[in-house]
Amino acid sequence: LPDFGTPVTVRSLLTHTSGYRDIFDALLMAARRIDEGDFVSRSEVIGLIQHQPSLQNAPGAEFIYNNSSYMLLSMLVERVAKRPFDEFMSQRVFGPIGMTHTVVRADRHATVRGATAGYTRAANGEWRDLGDLPSSIGAGGIYTTLGDLQKWTNNFAYPHTGSLQGIAQMMTPFTLTNGKSTGYGFGLFVDKQGSLKRIYHRGADLSHKSNLVYYPEIDAGVSVQSNDERFS
């Protein structure tokens, strides 16, 4: 990656404060029809950053949600672990937690057992099947079940992988260089709902929607999944 004069750290990537361009926003601006299922290679994020004339902001100075950062993080995991990201996640994350029905779909042609097709509406009102975004490894591309999501949430309080100290870091909002909080830790939004601390994240693909909320003070969580793109 190019040297923009200011170091971009792993923490910058984790907190969406790197200053890199977002791969999907950039491609949509370039008239790529991602919304119509155009294939996006995972490696395109490298080319995007190599052609980026400068950072959007100094690292740590501004929060801009950035899929490119998480795709880069998955590549970093692969280089450090010396194994594909999907294998690493299965062996080091999903396996120890007991998430036996969760996979990272590394190959866009791979069949995921039990997967639910996602749908969106055409202009004439007919249902359409656009598939998913296979290039989003690191920023998405995970297939799971409600039962496995419960195990994932339980791991926050009773970790089988990771540590309580590491999970506490994930749930600690990042502070920008101007002293303001982003309300975002490492891959998790953090705020309050009423008097309760709320940890959550939403997700969306071409035709899927997802939301997971965890309330650590009462050790409870809620997850909603939909295969209707219009669901909110």
Protein backbone atom coordinates (compact mmCIF):
# COMPACT_ATOMS: atom_id res chain seq x y z
CA LEU A 1 0.00 0.00 0.00
CA PRO A 2 1.24 3.55 -0.66
CA ASP A 3 2.81 5.75 1.98
CA PHE A 4 0.49 8.72 2.50
CA GLY A 5 2.86 10.36 4.97
CA THR A 6 1.00 9.28 8.11
CA PRO A 7 1.01 5.71 9.45
CA VAL A 8 -2.28 3.81 9.13
CA THR A 9 -2.34 1.33 12.01
CA VAL A 10 -4.32 -1.84 12.64
CA ARG A 11 -6.30 0.16 15.22
CA SER A 12 -7.11 2.72 12.49
CA LEU A 13 -8.59 -0.10 10.39
CA LEU A 14 -10.53 -1.62 13.29
CA THR A 15 -12.12 1.72 14.25
CA HIS A 16 -13.01 2.96 10.73
CA THR A 17 -10.68 5.94 11.09
CA SER A 18 -8.02 4.99 8.52
CA GLY A 19 -8.78 7.61 5.86
CA TYR A 20 -8.96 4.97 3.13
CA ARG A 21 -11.79 5.06 0.58
CA ASP A 22 -14.65 2.57 0.93
CA ILE A 23 -14.50 -0.02 -1.85
CA PHE A 24 -18.23 -0.26 -2.49
CA ASP A 25 -18.90 3.49 -2.40
CA ALA A 26 -16.02 4.06 -4.79
CA LEU A 27 -17.15 1.41 -7.26
CA LEU A 28 -20.73 2.69 -7.24
CA MET A 29 -19.43 6.18 -8.04
CA ALA A 30 -17.53 4.59 -10.94
CA ALA A 31 -20.83 3.20 -12.29
CA ARG A 32 -20.23 -0.42 -11.30
CA ARG A 33 -23.64 -2.02 -10.82
CA ILE A 34 -23.03 -3.72 -7.52
CA ASP A 35 -26.73 -3.30 -6.84
CA GLU A 36 -27.34 -5.53 -9.87
CA GLY A 37 -24.97 -8.24 -8.73
CA ASP A 38 -21.77 -7.14 -10.54
CA PHE A 39 -18.88 -9.25 -9.29
CA VAL A 40 -16.28 -7.40 -7.22
CA SER A 41 -12.94 -9.11 -6.69
CA ARG A 42 -11.64 -9.01 -3.15
CA SER A 43 -8.26 -7.88 -4.49
CA GLU A 44 -9.80 -4.73 -5.95
CA VAL A 45 -9.55 -3.01 -2.58
CA ILE A 46 -5.74 -3.02 -2.94
CA GLY A 47 -5.96 -1.35 -6.35
CA LEU A 48 -8.42 1.22 -5.02
CA ILE A 49 -6.04 2.32 -2.26
CA GLN A 50 -3.01 2.25 -4.56
CA HIS A 51 -4.77 4.75 -6.84
CA GLN A 52 -6.08 6.88 -3.98
CA PRO A 53 -4.32 10.29 -4.26
CA SER A 54 -4.43 10.98 -0.53
CA LEU A 55 -6.15 9.94 2.68
CA GLN A 56 -9.68 11.25 3.25
CA ASN A 57 -8.61 12.20 6.78
CA ALA A 58 -5.62 11.81 9.04
CA PRO A 59 -5.79 8.38 10.74
CA GLY A 60 -7.73 8.65 13.97
CA ALA A 61 -9.21 12.05 13.13
CA GLU A 62 -12.57 11.08 11.62
CA PHE A 63 -14.95 8.12 11.76
CA ILE A 64 -16.16 6.99 8.32
CA TYR A 65 -17.59 3.47 8.10
CA ASN A 66 -15.24 1.65 5.78
CA ASN A 67 -15.60 -1.84 4.31
CA SER A 68 -12.13 -1.55 2.74
CA SER A 69 -10.54 -1.51 6.18
CA TYR A 70 -12.12 -4.79 7.26
CA MET A 71 -11.29 -6.46 3.97
CA LEU A 72 -7.66 -5.41 4.51
CA LEU A 73 -7.81 -6.80 8.05
CA SER A 74 -8.86 -10.22 6.73
CA MET A 75 -5.86 -10.17 4.37
CA LEU A 76 -3.62 -9.22 7.30
CA VAL A 77 -4.95 -12.18 9.30
CA GLU A 78 -4.13 -14.48 6.37
CA ARG A 79 -0.56 -13.23 6.11
CA VAL A 80 0.13 -13.46 9.83
CA ALA A 81 -1.65 -16.81 10.30
CA LYS A 82 -0.32 -18.21 7.00
CA ARG A 83 -3.68 -19.73 6.16
CA PRO A 84 -6.87 -18.63 4.35
CA PHE A 85 -9.20 -16.40 6.36
CA ASP A 86 -12.10 -18.85 6.21
CA GLU A 87 -9.91 -21.62 7.64
CA PHE A 88 -8.58 -19.35 10.38
CA MET A 89 -12.09 -18.33 11.42
CA SER A 90 -13.33 -21.93 11.48
CA GLN A 91 -10.36 -23.21 13.47
CA ARG A 92 -9.63 -20.32 15.83
CA VAL A 93 -12.99 -18.58 16.28
CA PHE A 94 -16.10 -20.52 15.28
CA GLY A 95 -14.80 -23.94 16.34
CA PRO A 96 -13.86 -23.08 19.95
CA ILE A 97 -17.18 -21.27 20.44
CA GLY A 98 -19.10 -24.27 19.12
CA MET A 99 -20.55 -22.44 16.11
CA THR A 100 -20.85 -25.56 13.97
CA HIS A 101 -23.26 -23.99 11.46
CA THR A 102 -21.20 -20.89 10.67
CA VAL A 103 -18.83 -20.43 7.70
CA VAL A 104 -17.05 -17.70 5.80
CA ARG A 105 -18.00 -18.12 2.15
CA ALA A 106 -14.60 -17.70 0.50
CA ASP A 107 -15.63 -18.90 -2.97
CA ARG A 108 -18.59 -17.17 -4.60
CA HIS A 109 -19.47 -20.41 -6.38
CA ALA A 110 -19.43 -22.50 -3.20
CA THR A 111 -22.70 -23.98 -1.98
CA VAL A 112 -23.48 -23.18 1.65
CA ARG A 113 -25.54 -25.94 3.19
CA GLY A 114 -28.90 -24.66 4.44
CA ALA A 115 -28.35 -21.14 3.12
CA THR A 116 -31.42 -19.00 2.57
CA ALA A 117 -31.66 -17.12 -0.72
CA GLY A 118 -32.02 -13.37 -0.42
CA TYR A 119 -34.53 -11.36 -2.39
CA THR A 120 -35.20 -7.82 -3.50
CA ARG A 121 -38.00 -6.25 -5.54
CA ALA A 122 -37.79 -5.25 -9.19
CA ALA A 123 -39.45 -2.06 -10.43
CA ASN A 124 -42.44 -4.11 -11.56
CA GLY A 125 -42.82 -5.60 -8.09
CA GLU A 126 -41.48 -9.06 -8.91
CA TRP A 127 -39.08 -10.75 -6.53
CA ARG A 128 -35.44 -10.96 -7.67
CA ASP A 129 -32.56 -13.12 -6.41
CA LEU A 130 -29.27 -11.20 -6.61
CA GLY A 131 -27.12 -13.47 -4.46
CA ASP A 132 -24.61 -11.84 -2.12
CA LEU A 133 -21.33 -9.93 -2.15
CA PRO A 134 -18.64 -12.63 -2.12
CA SER A 135 -15.90 -10.01 -2.18
CA SER A 136 -16.84 -8.74 1.27
CA ILE A 137 -14.70 -11.24 3.23
CA GLY A 138 -13.65 -9.47 6.41
CA ALA A 139 -16.51 -7.01 6.08
CA GLY A 140 -19.15 -9.71 5.63
CA GLY A 141 -19.67 -12.96 3.75
CA ILE A 142 -20.47 -14.95 6.89
CA TYR A 143 -23.29 -17.50 6.89
CA THR A 144 -24.67 -18.47 10.29
CA THR A 145 -27.80 -19.42 12.20
CA LEU A 146 -29.76 -17.92 15.08
CA GLY A 147 -28.49 -20.68 17.36
CA ASP A 148 -24.88 -19.95 16.49
CA LEU A 149 -25.45 -16.21 16.96
CA GLN A 150 -26.57 -16.97 20.50
CA LYS A 151 -23.28 -18.78 21.08
CA TRP A 152 -21.41 -15.82 19.57
CA THR A 153 -23.14 -13.43 21.95
CA ASN A 154 -22.56 -15.72 24.94
CA ASN A 155 -18.85 -15.61 24.11
CA PHE A 156 -18.83 -11.91 25.04
CA ALA A 157 -19.54 -12.79 28.67
CA TYR A 158 -18.09 -16.30 28.85
CA PRO A 159 -15.29 -16.42 26.27
CA HIS A 160 -14.18 -19.73 24.77
CA THR A 161 -12.01 -17.77 22.36
CA GLY A 162 -10.48 -14.39 23.06
CA SER A 163 -10.37 -12.97 26.58
CA LEU A 164 -12.52 -10.76 28.78
CA GLN A 165 -9.84 -8.06 28.48
CA GLY A 166 -9.88 -8.25 24.69
CA ILE A 167 -13.66 -8.23 24.53
CA ALA A 168 -13.72 -5.19 26.83
CA GLN A 169 -11.47 -3.42 24.31
CA MET A 170 -13.90 -4.33 21.53
CA MET A 171 -16.68 -2.68 23.53
CA THR A 172 -14.74 0.50 24.35
CA PRO A 173 -15.59 3.41 22.00
CA PHE A 174 -12.64 4.93 20.16
CA THR A 175 -11.72 8.54 20.91
CA LEU A 176 -10.79 10.71 17.93
CA THR A 177 -7.83 13.06 17.96
CA ASN A 178 -10.22 15.95 18.68
CA GLY A 179 -11.35 14.22 21.88
CA LYS A 180 -14.78 13.16 20.61
CA SER A 181 -16.05 9.60 20.92
CA THR A 182 -17.00 7.65 17.80
CA GLY A 183 -19.41 5.40 19.67
CA TYR A 184 -17.64 2.48 17.98
CA GLY A 185 -15.11 0.04 19.39
CA PHE A 186 -13.57 -2.82 17.40
CA GLY A 187 -16.35 -4.03 15.10
CA LEU A 188 -19.09 -3.01 17.54
CA PHE A 189 -21.24 0.07 18.08
CA VAL A 190 -21.59 1.12 21.72
CA ASP A 191 -24.30 3.35 23.18
CA LYS A 192 -27.23 3.27 25.60
CA GLN A 193 -30.84 2.25 25.20
CA GLY A 194 -32.65 3.84 28.10
CA SER A 195 -30.45 3.14 31.09
CA LEU A 196 -28.84 0.01 29.62
CA LYS A 197 -25.53 -0.18 27.80
CA ARG A 198 -26.15 -1.44 24.27
CA ILE A 199 -23.64 -3.26 22.05
CA TYR A 200 -24.84 -3.77 18.50
CA HIS A 201 -24.14 -4.00 14.81
CA ARG A 202 -26.29 -3.98 11.72
CA GLY A 203 -25.42 -5.55 8.41
CA ALA A 204 -26.76 -5.62 4.88
CA ASP A 205 -25.92 -7.32 1.62
CA LEU A 206 -27.58 -7.09 -1.78
CA SER A 207 -30.66 -8.84 -0.45
CA HIS A 208 -30.10 -9.71 3.21
CA LYS A 209 -30.45 -7.69 6.41
CA SER A 210 -29.09 -8.47 9.86
CA ASN A 211 -29.11 -6.89 13.31
CA LEU A 212 -27.58 -8.15 16.56
CA VAL A 213 -27.98 -6.33 19.88
CA TYR A 214 -26.39 -7.28 23.21
CA TYR A 215 -27.07 -5.81 26.66
CA PRO A 216 -24.08 -6.80 28.83
CA GLU A 217 -25.53 -5.48 32.09
CA ILE A 218 -28.41 -7.97 31.95
CA ASP A 219 -26.59 -10.60 29.85
CA ALA A 220 -29.28 -10.60 27.16
CA GLY A 221 -29.36 -10.17 23.42
CA VAL A 222 -31.69 -9.92 20.44
CA SER A 223 -31.01 -10.81 16.81
CA VAL A 224 -33.18 -10.21 13.75
CA GLN A 225 -32.32 -11.64 10.32
CA SER A 226 -34.16 -11.18 7.03
CA ASN A 227 -33.78 -12.33 3.44
CA ASP A 228 -35.85 -9.36 2.21
CA GLU A 229 -33.69 -6.40 1.15
CA ARG A 230 -36.48 -3.96 2.04
CA PHE A 231 -36.61 -5.09 5.67
CA SER A 232 -35.55 -2.45 8.19
